[in-house]
Amino acid sequence: MTLSEKILMLRKQKGWSQEELAEQLGVSRQSVSKWESGTSLPDLNRILDLSRLFSVSTDFLLKEEETMEEETEPPDPDQELFSGEKTGNETEEQVLEGEWVAPEEMEDENGKYYRRVSFSEALDYLEQMGEYGRQLGRGVMLCIFAPAALVGSVAAGSVAMGNSVRAENIAGGIGTVLLLLLIAWAVVIFIGSASKIEKYQYLSKKHYILEPGVAEAVQEEKEAFEDVYRKSVMVGVCMCIVSVVPVLLAGISDSKEVLVLMGVVLMFLIVGVGVHLIVSATVIREAQETLLKRGMTEEEAAERIIKKKKKKGGLKKYEDSYWILITVIYLVCSFASMKWWGTWIIFVAAAAVWEFLTAAKQ
């Protein structure tokens, strides 16, 4: 059963018309019609909305059930070459030369199997990183607002109670409490948001195999987000630049000290909002780029493994011993001749010899 068939089935189970479903999703009836006819597919956000609306998992929506014809269809030799299953068509030379990768050899640089990332897993990762970006932006904004609370308290205290030492102490104490509360609030946000994405740390540290269609969907999501990202960064940077205007105006006009302080408060507030926009958009963009940079197809994983095998073969395994020997020769020659200024040429010659031997071996 395809995604289009599942949407049609679930809609009928709810007893909704296409117009009613479209209204709940915030799309046109034509969009729902195209989804159900299979002429177009919903984007990542709409799939999440469908999952919540019909109370089903994204895996149920996205994973198609195989038919008997698909199960009995003969394998494609080119695809099977990288899926880790022998097709019977590979030659002995292919196996010996490392042009075929078995399932047990689908391992990364650390000797562990490449993890496979499904469509729903990538979708959930992007959703969680979007929420993490917004929370991280709020936390940073609160940290920037914190000194504004202190300065604002001092300014308010001077207006309400005058410029006496006692008034300054009271205002400073209240401002300090507000500053600490805002920072504590930000720390709670940082810890809470980081714990929610901890399970996805492997996606930013290791390479993995993306199931078919995932990279294309993420690329589409990235392109759709491009306009929002550009506007958020542009507005955020502009806000940070113009944030000093209130302080400059207060200083140029020889205003009272309290007005200068309020200008500083306004500067912090503007910077905080601007940084929030930049951080939120940047985290989402980095999550999209991470999936595209570290994610691989099975073919790319196989090529990576083959290159690793070739590196381990040939002269590569003797490289450490070779350079240890060259270092010993360098030290012996240097101490014997005491011409340290000239013996460094040994390393240059050794590097040239190593490159020649490596090229000849290949």
Protein backbone atom coordinates (compact mmCIF):
# COMPACT_ATOMS: atom_id res chain seq x y z
CA MET A 1 0.00 0.00 0.00
CA THR A 2 1.45 3.34 -1.06
CA LEU A 3 1.38 6.65 0.81
CA SER A 4 -1.41 7.95 -1.46
CA GLU A 5 -3.55 4.88 -0.77
CA LYS A 6 -2.99 5.21 2.97
CA ILE A 7 -4.04 8.87 3.00
CA LEU A 8 -7.22 7.98 1.10
CA MET A 9 -7.98 5.05 3.42
CA LEU A 10 -7.40 7.05 6.61
CA ARG A 11 -9.50 9.96 5.37
CA LYS A 12 -12.42 7.66 4.58
CA GLN A 13 -12.09 6.00 7.99
CA LYS A 14 -12.54 9.43 9.57
CA GLY A 15 -15.47 10.15 7.28
CA TRP A 16 -13.92 13.38 6.04
CA SER A 17 -14.16 14.93 2.62
CA GLN A 18 -11.07 16.22 0.83
CA GLU A 19 -12.15 19.77 1.71
CA GLU A 20 -12.41 18.90 5.41
CA LEU A 21 -8.97 17.26 5.46
CA ALA A 22 -7.46 20.17 3.53
CA GLU A 23 -8.94 22.66 6.00
CA GLN A 24 -7.43 20.85 8.99
CA LEU A 25 -4.02 20.71 7.32
CA GLY A 26 -4.13 24.29 6.08
CA VAL A 27 -3.74 23.33 2.41
CA SER A 28 -5.95 23.45 -0.67
CA ARG A 29 -8.34 20.67 -1.68
CA GLN A 30 -6.31 20.27 -4.90
CA SER A 31 -3.23 19.39 -2.82
CA VAL A 32 -5.09 16.61 -1.01
CA SER A 33 -6.43 15.37 -4.33
CA LYS A 34 -2.91 15.22 -5.78
CA TRP A 35 -1.63 13.33 -2.73
CA GLU A 36 -4.37 10.73 -3.00
CA SER A 37 -3.87 10.32 -6.73
CA GLY A 38 -0.12 9.94 -6.32
CA THR A 39 0.73 12.86 -8.62
CA SER A 40 2.53 14.67 -5.78
CA LEU A 41 3.76 13.94 -2.27
CA PRO A 42 3.29 15.94 0.94
CA ASP A 43 6.37 17.64 2.35
CA LEU A 44 7.99 16.72 5.67
CA ASN A 45 5.86 19.06 7.78
CA ARG A 46 2.63 17.84 6.19
CA ILE A 47 3.61 14.22 6.83
CA LEU A 48 4.05 15.07 10.50
CA ASP A 49 0.64 16.78 10.49
CA LEU A 50 -0.96 13.73 8.85
CA SER A 51 0.67 11.47 11.44
CA ARG A 52 -0.79 13.49 14.31
CA LEU A 53 -4.14 14.00 12.68
CA PHE A 54 -4.72 10.30 11.95
CA SER A 55 -2.92 9.10 15.12
CA VAL A 56 -0.54 6.86 13.17
CA SER A 57 3.25 6.71 13.05
CA THR A 58 5.28 8.28 10.26
CA ASP A 59 6.73 4.80 9.61
CA PHE A 60 3.23 3.54 8.81
CA LEU A 61 2.70 6.38 6.34
CA LEU A 62 6.08 6.21 4.64
CA LYS A 63 6.93 2.51 4.46
CA GLU A 64 5.28 0.88 1.49
CA GLU A 65 4.14 -2.72 1.76
CA GLU A 66 5.79 -4.98 -0.77
CA THR A 67 3.64 -6.86 -3.26
CA MET A 68 4.24 -10.40 -4.44
CA GLU A 69 5.47 -9.05 -7.76
CA GLU A 70 8.06 -6.92 -5.98
CA GLU A 71 9.22 -9.81 -3.85
CA THR A 72 9.70 -12.13 -6.83
CA GLU A 73 11.24 -9.47 -9.08
CA PRO A 74 14.80 -10.50 -10.04
CA PRO A 75 17.52 -8.48 -8.28
CA ASP A 76 19.41 -5.75 -10.06
CA PRO A 77 23.06 -6.87 -10.21
CA ASP A 78 24.35 -3.28 -10.02
CA GLN A 79 22.35 -2.56 -6.88
CA GLU A 80 23.10 -5.89 -5.23
CA LEU A 81 26.79 -5.26 -5.72
CA PHE A 82 26.56 -2.61 -2.99
CA SER A 83 23.76 -4.05 -0.88
CA GLY A 84 26.07 -6.73 0.44
CA GLU A 85 24.49 -9.75 -1.24
CA LYS A 86 26.21 -11.75 -3.94
CA THR A 87 24.30 -11.94 -7.17
CA GLY A 88 26.29 -14.73 -8.73
CA ASN A 89 27.48 -12.35 -11.45
CA GLU A 90 30.50 -10.95 -9.66
CA THR A 91 33.84 -12.28 -10.81
CA GLU A 92 36.60 -13.66 -8.65
CA GLU A 93 38.68 -10.59 -9.55
CA GLN A 94 35.96 -8.28 -8.22
CA VAL A 95 35.95 -10.01 -4.87
CA LEU A 96 39.72 -10.18 -4.65
CA GLU A 97 40.18 -6.55 -5.72
CA GLY A 98 37.66 -5.31 -3.16
CA GLU A 99 35.01 -4.23 -5.68
CA TRP A 100 32.29 -6.08 -3.81
CA VAL A 101 31.24 -5.43 -0.22
CA ALA A 102 29.65 -8.13 1.93
CA PRO A 103 27.17 -7.26 4.72
CA GLU A 104 29.63 -8.12 7.46
CA GLU A 105 32.11 -5.71 5.88
CA MET A 106 29.75 -2.71 5.92
CA GLU A 107 31.71 -1.15 8.77
CA ASP A 108 32.93 2.37 9.43
CA GLU A 109 36.43 3.51 10.39
CA ASN A 110 35.92 2.29 13.97
CA GLY A 111 34.95 -1.23 12.92
CA LYS A 112 31.26 -0.71 13.66
CA TYR A 113 28.40 -1.19 11.22
CA TYR A 114 27.17 1.88 9.40
CA ARG A 115 23.86 2.85 10.93
CA ARG A 116 20.89 3.12 8.58
CA VAL A 117 18.75 6.23 9.01
CA SER A 118 15.11 5.90 7.95
CA PHE A 119 12.84 8.62 6.57
CA SER A 120 10.91 8.90 9.83
CA GLU A 121 14.14 9.05 11.87
CA ALA A 122 15.51 11.87 9.73
CA LEU A 123 12.16 13.64 9.93
CA ASP A 124 12.07 13.40 13.73
CA TYR A 125 15.68 14.61 13.94
CA LEU A 126 14.91 17.73 11.90
CA GLU A 127 11.80 18.42 13.97
CA GLN A 128 13.68 18.03 17.26
CA MET A 129 16.58 20.18 16.04
CA GLY A 130 14.11 22.87 15.00
CA GLU A 131 12.69 22.93 18.52
CA TYR A 132 16.22 22.80 19.97
CA GLY A 133 17.22 25.81 17.84
CA ARG A 134 14.27 27.82 19.10
CA GLN A 135 14.99 26.87 22.72
CA LEU A 136 18.70 27.61 22.32
CA GLY A 137 17.84 31.00 20.83
CA ARG A 138 15.57 31.77 23.79
CA GLY A 139 18.29 30.79 26.25
CA VAL A 140 20.88 33.02 24.58
CA MET A 141 18.35 35.85 24.43
CA LEU A 142 17.70 35.55 28.18
CA CYS A 143 21.45 35.71 28.86
CA ILE A 144 21.63 38.96 26.87
CA PHE A 145 18.53 40.31 28.61
CA ALA A 146 20.12 39.62 32.03
CA PRO A 147 22.46 42.67 32.11
CA ALA A 148 19.58 44.75 30.70
CA ALA A 149 17.59 43.85 33.84
CA LEU A 150 20.45 45.06 36.04
CA VAL A 151 20.93 48.32 34.15
CA GLY A 152 17.17 48.89 33.95
CA SER A 153 16.80 48.40 37.71
CA VAL A 154 19.51 50.97 38.40
CA ALA A 155 17.82 53.44 36.03
CA ALA A 156 14.38 52.85 37.57
CA GLY A 157 15.81 53.18 41.07
CA SER A 158 17.41 56.54 40.31
CA VAL A 159 14.12 57.86 38.97
CA ALA A 160 11.98 56.55 41.85
CA MET A 161 14.28 57.09 44.81
CA GLY A 162 16.84 59.60 43.63
CA ASN A 163 20.61 59.27 43.35
CA SER A 164 21.35 58.49 46.98
CA VAL A 165 23.74 55.69 47.91
CA ARG A 166 20.93 53.77 49.60
CA ALA A 167 18.74 54.00 46.48
CA GLU A 168 21.60 52.77 44.27
CA ASN A 169 22.25 49.84 46.60
CA ILE A 170 18.59 48.79 46.62
CA ALA A 171 18.27 49.14 42.84
CA GLY A 172 21.55 47.28 42.33
CA GLY A 173 20.41 44.45 44.61
CA ILE A 174 17.10 44.04 42.80
CA GLY A 175 18.87 44.17 39.44
CA THR A 176 21.36 41.52 40.51
CA VAL A 177 18.56 39.21 41.62
CA LEU A 178 16.79 39.68 38.28
CA LEU A 179 20.05 39.04 36.42
CA LEU A 180 20.67 35.78 38.28
CA LEU A 181 17.07 34.64 37.77
CA LEU A 182 17.28 35.22 34.01
CA ILE A 183 20.59 33.39 33.77
CA ALA A 184 19.23 30.49 35.84
CA TRP A 185 16.20 30.33 33.54
CA ALA A 186 18.54 30.24 30.52
CA VAL A 187 20.61 27.42 32.06
CA VAL A 188 17.46 25.37 32.66
CA ILE A 189 16.53 25.86 28.99
CA PHE A 190 20.02 24.87 27.83
CA ILE A 191 20.08 21.68 29.90
CA GLY A 192 16.52 20.68 29.05
CA SER A 193 16.83 21.26 25.32
CA ALA A 194 20.23 19.54 25.10
CA SER A 195 18.91 16.42 26.85
CA LYS A 196 16.14 16.07 24.25
CA ILE A 197 18.55 15.85 21.32
CA GLU A 198 21.19 13.76 23.10
CA LYS A 199 19.95 10.59 21.39
CA TYR A 200 20.75 12.15 18.00
CA GLN A 201 24.39 12.95 18.76
CA TYR A 202 25.56 10.13 16.47
CA LEU A 203 24.06 11.97 13.49
CA SER A 204 26.53 14.84 13.92
CA LYS A 205 29.60 12.73 14.75
CA LYS A 206 29.55 9.69 12.46
CA HIS A 207 28.78 8.73 8.90
CA TYR A 208 25.67 6.66 8.20
CA ILE A 209 23.56 5.29 5.36
CA LEU A 210 20.40 7.16 4.41
CA GLU A 211 17.53 5.06 3.16
CA PRO A 212 16.38 5.82 -0.42
CA GLY A 213 14.59 9.16 -0.75
CA VAL A 214 15.81 10.64 2.54
CA ALA A 215 18.58 12.79 1.03
CA GLU A 216 16.22 14.12 -1.64
CA ALA A 217 13.58 14.99 0.97
CA VAL A 218 16.11 16.75 3.20
CA GLN A 219 17.45 18.70 0.23
CA GLU A 220 13.92 19.84 -0.61
CA GLU A 221 13.39 20.86 3.02
CA LYS A 222 16.65 22.82 2.95
CA GLU A 223 15.67 24.64 -0.23
CA ALA A 224 12.22 25.46 1.20
CA PHE A 225 13.86 26.83 4.37
CA GLU A 226 16.42 28.90 2.45
CA ASP A 227 14.26 32.04 2.29
CA VAL A 228 13.39 31.90 6.00
CA TYR A 229 17.04 31.29 6.92
CA ARG A 230 18.31 34.19 4.83
CA LYS A 231 15.70 36.62 6.17
CA SER A 232 16.26 35.55 9.81
CA VAL A 233 20.02 36.02 9.59
CA MET A 234 19.70 39.30 7.70
CA VAL A 235 17.17 40.77 10.16
CA GLY A 236 19.17 39.49 13.15
CA VAL A 237 22.43 41.02 11.93
CA CYS A 238 20.72 44.33 11.12
CA MET A 239 19.18 44.44 14.62
CA CYS A 240 22.60 43.89 16.21
CA ILE A 241 24.07 46.70 14.12
CA VAL A 242 21.34 49.28 14.81
CA SER A 243 21.10 48.34 18.51
CA VAL A 244 23.71 51.00 19.41
CA VAL A 245 21.59 53.81 17.93
CA PRO A 246 19.61 54.49 21.18
CA VAL A 247 22.86 54.80 23.16
CA LEU A 248 24.44 57.06 20.55
CA LEU A 249 21.38 59.30 20.42
CA ALA A 250 21.28 59.58 24.22
CA GLY A 251 24.99 60.42 24.33
CA ILE A 252 24.92 62.95 21.50
CA SER A 253 21.94 64.83 22.93
CA ASP A 254 23.61 65.24 26.34
CA SER A 255 20.62 63.55 27.96
CA LYS A 256 20.39 62.71 31.61
CA GLU A 257 22.21 59.67 32.89
CA VAL A 258 18.94 57.79 33.30
CA LEU A 259 18.13 58.20 29.60
CA VAL A 260 21.57 56.89 28.67
CA LEU A 261 20.95 53.87 30.88
CA MET A 262 17.58 53.26 29.26
CA GLY A 263 19.32 53.46 25.89
CA VAL A 264 21.69 50.72 27.05
CA VAL A 265 18.71 48.62 28.16
CA LEU A 266 17.08 49.05 24.77
CA MET A 267 20.35 48.07 23.09
CA PHE A 268 20.50 44.78 25.02
CA LEU A 269 16.87 44.01 24.21
CA ILE A 270 17.36 44.59 20.47
CA VAL A 271 20.56 42.52 20.41
CA GLY A 272 18.85 39.70 22.29
CA VAL A 273 16.01 39.44 19.78
CA GLY A 274 18.43 39.65 16.85
CA VAL A 275 20.68 36.90 18.23
CA HIS A 276 17.61 34.74 18.90
CA LEU A 277 16.66 34.94 15.21
CA ILE A 278 20.21 34.11 14.08
CA VAL A 279 20.70 31.17 16.46
CA SER A 280 17.31 29.59 15.76
CA ALA A 281 17.75 29.69 11.98
CA THR A 282 21.40 28.59 12.08
CA VAL A 283 20.73 25.49 14.19
CA ILE A 284 18.01 24.32 11.79
CA ARG A 285 20.26 24.92 8.77
CA GLU A 286 23.17 23.06 10.39
CA ALA A 287 20.92 20.08 11.12
CA GLN A 288 19.89 19.91 7.46
CA GLU A 289 23.49 20.20 6.27
CA THR A 290 24.64 17.57 8.77
CA LEU A 291 22.27 14.97 7.31
CA LEU A 292 23.38 15.79 3.78
CA LYS A 293 27.13 15.83 4.57
CA ARG A 294 27.33 12.75 6.81
CA GLY A 295 24.57 10.72 5.21
CA MET A 296 25.51 8.35 2.39
CA THR A 297 23.84 6.01 -0.03
CA GLU A 298 24.83 2.33 0.03
CA GLU A 299 26.95 2.92 -3.06
CA GLU A 300 28.85 5.76 -1.39
CA ALA A 301 29.35 3.66 1.76
CA ALA A 302 30.71 0.80 -0.34
CA GLU A 303 33.12 3.14 -2.14
CA ARG A 304 34.28 4.50 1.20
CA ILE A 305 34.93 0.99 2.48
CA ILE A 306 36.83 0.02 -0.66
CA LYS A 307 39.06 3.08 -0.34
CA LYS A 308 39.71 2.17 3.31
CA LYS A 309 40.68 -1.36 2.28
CA LYS A 310 43.07 -0.09 -0.35
CA LYS A 311 44.67 2.25 2.17
CA LYS A 312 45.25 -0.63 4.55
CA GLY A 313 46.69 -2.73 1.77
CA GLY A 314 49.98 -2.32 -0.07
CA LEU A 315 52.67 -0.22 1.58
CA LYS A 316 50.30 1.56 3.95
CA LYS A 317 50.84 -0.95 6.73
CA TYR A 318 54.59 -0.26 6.61
CA GLU A 319 54.28 3.53 6.74
CA ASP A 320 54.80 3.94 10.49
CA SER A 321 57.85 1.69 10.50
CA TYR A 322 59.27 3.50 7.47
CA TRP A 323 59.13 6.93 9.12
CA ILE A 324 60.53 5.61 12.38
CA LEU A 325 63.50 4.27 10.40
CA ILE A 326 63.94 7.59 8.59
CA THR A 327 63.88 9.45 11.91
CA VAL A 328 66.58 7.15 13.31
CA ILE A 329 68.72 7.69 10.20
CA TYR A 330 68.23 11.45 10.52
CA LEU A 331 69.32 11.50 14.17
CA VAL A 332 72.35 9.25 13.54
CA CYS A 333 73.52 11.36 10.59
CA SER A 334 72.94 14.61 12.46
CA PHE A 335 74.86 13.56 15.57
CA ALA A 336 77.68 12.05 13.49
CA SER A 337 78.17 15.11 11.30
CA MET A 338 76.80 17.78 13.66
CA LYS A 339 75.45 19.50 10.55
CA TRP A 340 71.86 19.86 11.70
CA TRP A 341 71.27 22.66 9.23
CA GLY A 342 71.68 20.29 6.30
CA THR A 343 70.52 16.86 7.45
CA TRP A 344 66.84 17.86 7.32
CA ILE A 345 67.05 17.10 3.58
CA ILE A 346 66.79 13.42 4.59
CA PHE A 347 63.07 13.90 5.32
CA VAL A 348 62.48 15.56 1.94
CA ALA A 349 64.22 12.71 0.12
CA ALA A 350 62.39 10.10 2.20
CA ALA A 351 59.02 11.69 1.37
CA ALA A 352 59.84 11.63 -2.34
CA VAL A 353 60.92 7.99 -2.17
CA TRP A 354 57.73 7.04 -0.28
CA GLU A 355 55.49 8.73 -2.85
CA PHE A 356 57.36 6.99 -5.67
CA LEU A 357 57.01 3.57 -4.02
CA THR A 358 53.32 4.13 -3.29
CA ALA A 359 52.61 5.18 -6.88
CA ALA A 360 54.57 2.22 -8.25
CA LYS A 361 52.67 -0.19 -5.99
CA GLN A 362 49.31 1.08 -7.26
